[in-house]
Protein backbone atom coordinates (compact mmCIF):
# COMPACT_ATOMS: atom_id res chain seq x y z
CA MET A 1 -42.23 -28.83 1.25
CA CYS A 2 -38.67 -28.16 2.31
CA GLU A 3 -38.15 -26.40 5.59
CA TRP A 4 -35.49 -24.00 4.19
CA ARG A 5 -37.66 -22.58 1.39
CA GLY A 6 -38.56 -18.97 1.85
CA ARG A 7 -35.81 -18.29 4.37
CA ARG A 8 -33.19 -15.67 3.64
CA ASN A 9 -29.61 -16.79 3.33
CA ALA A 10 -28.15 -15.07 6.37
CA GLY A 11 -24.56 -16.28 6.12
CA MET A 12 -21.82 -17.28 3.76
CA THR A 13 -21.13 -20.87 2.81
CA THR A 14 -17.77 -22.56 3.18
CA ALA A 15 -17.01 -22.04 -0.52
CA GLU A 16 -17.71 -18.33 -0.24
CA TYR A 17 -15.37 -18.10 2.75
CA ALA A 18 -12.68 -19.94 0.78
CA VAL A 19 -13.00 -17.62 -2.22
CA GLY A 20 -12.99 -14.56 0.04
CA THR A 21 -9.92 -15.79 1.89
CA VAL A 22 -8.01 -16.46 -1.33
CA ALA A 23 -8.96 -13.04 -2.71
CA ALA A 24 -7.88 -11.31 0.50
CA ALA A 25 -4.56 -13.17 0.53
CA ALA A 26 -3.90 -12.29 -3.11
CA PHE A 27 -4.71 -8.62 -2.47
CA ALA A 28 -2.42 -8.61 0.59
CA GLY A 29 0.40 -10.11 -1.48
CA VAL A 30 0.07 -7.49 -4.20
CA LEU A 31 -0.14 -4.70 -1.64
CA PHE A 32 2.96 -6.01 0.14
CA LYS A 33 4.92 -6.09 -3.13
CA ILE A 34 3.93 -2.50 -3.88
CA VAL A 35 4.68 -1.16 -0.41
CA SER A 36 7.97 -2.99 -0.08
CA SER A 37 9.30 -1.74 -3.42
CA GLU A 38 12.29 0.57 -3.31
CA ARG A 39 10.50 3.40 -5.12
CA VAL A 40 7.58 3.48 -2.69
CA GLN A 41 9.93 3.40 0.28
CA GLU A 42 11.81 6.38 -1.18
CA LEU A 43 8.55 8.29 -1.61
CA VAL A 44 7.43 7.54 1.96
CA LEU A 45 10.79 8.64 3.37
CA ALA A 46 10.63 11.86 1.32
CA ILE A 47 7.16 12.60 2.70
CA ILE A 48 8.35 11.96 6.26
CA ASP A 49 11.44 14.13 5.75
CA ARG A 50 9.30 16.97 4.37
CA ALA A 51 6.83 16.68 7.26
CA LEU A 52 9.65 16.76 9.83
CA ALA A 53 11.23 19.77 8.10
CA LEU A 54 7.91 21.66 8.21
CA ALA A 55 7.37 20.73 11.86
CA GLY A 56 10.52 22.33 13.00
């Protein structure tokens, strides 16, 4: 009988870490493209301008 039978898998394997790392990097790349777009920057600056105008 194998020693590992019946034990719970408590951690991720190397392949799972690799897939998770690639997915996180892809998500970060997409998020960076969205945030660095000119339209999003204009919206963020408009929100900041409005907040500063309301503050005084």
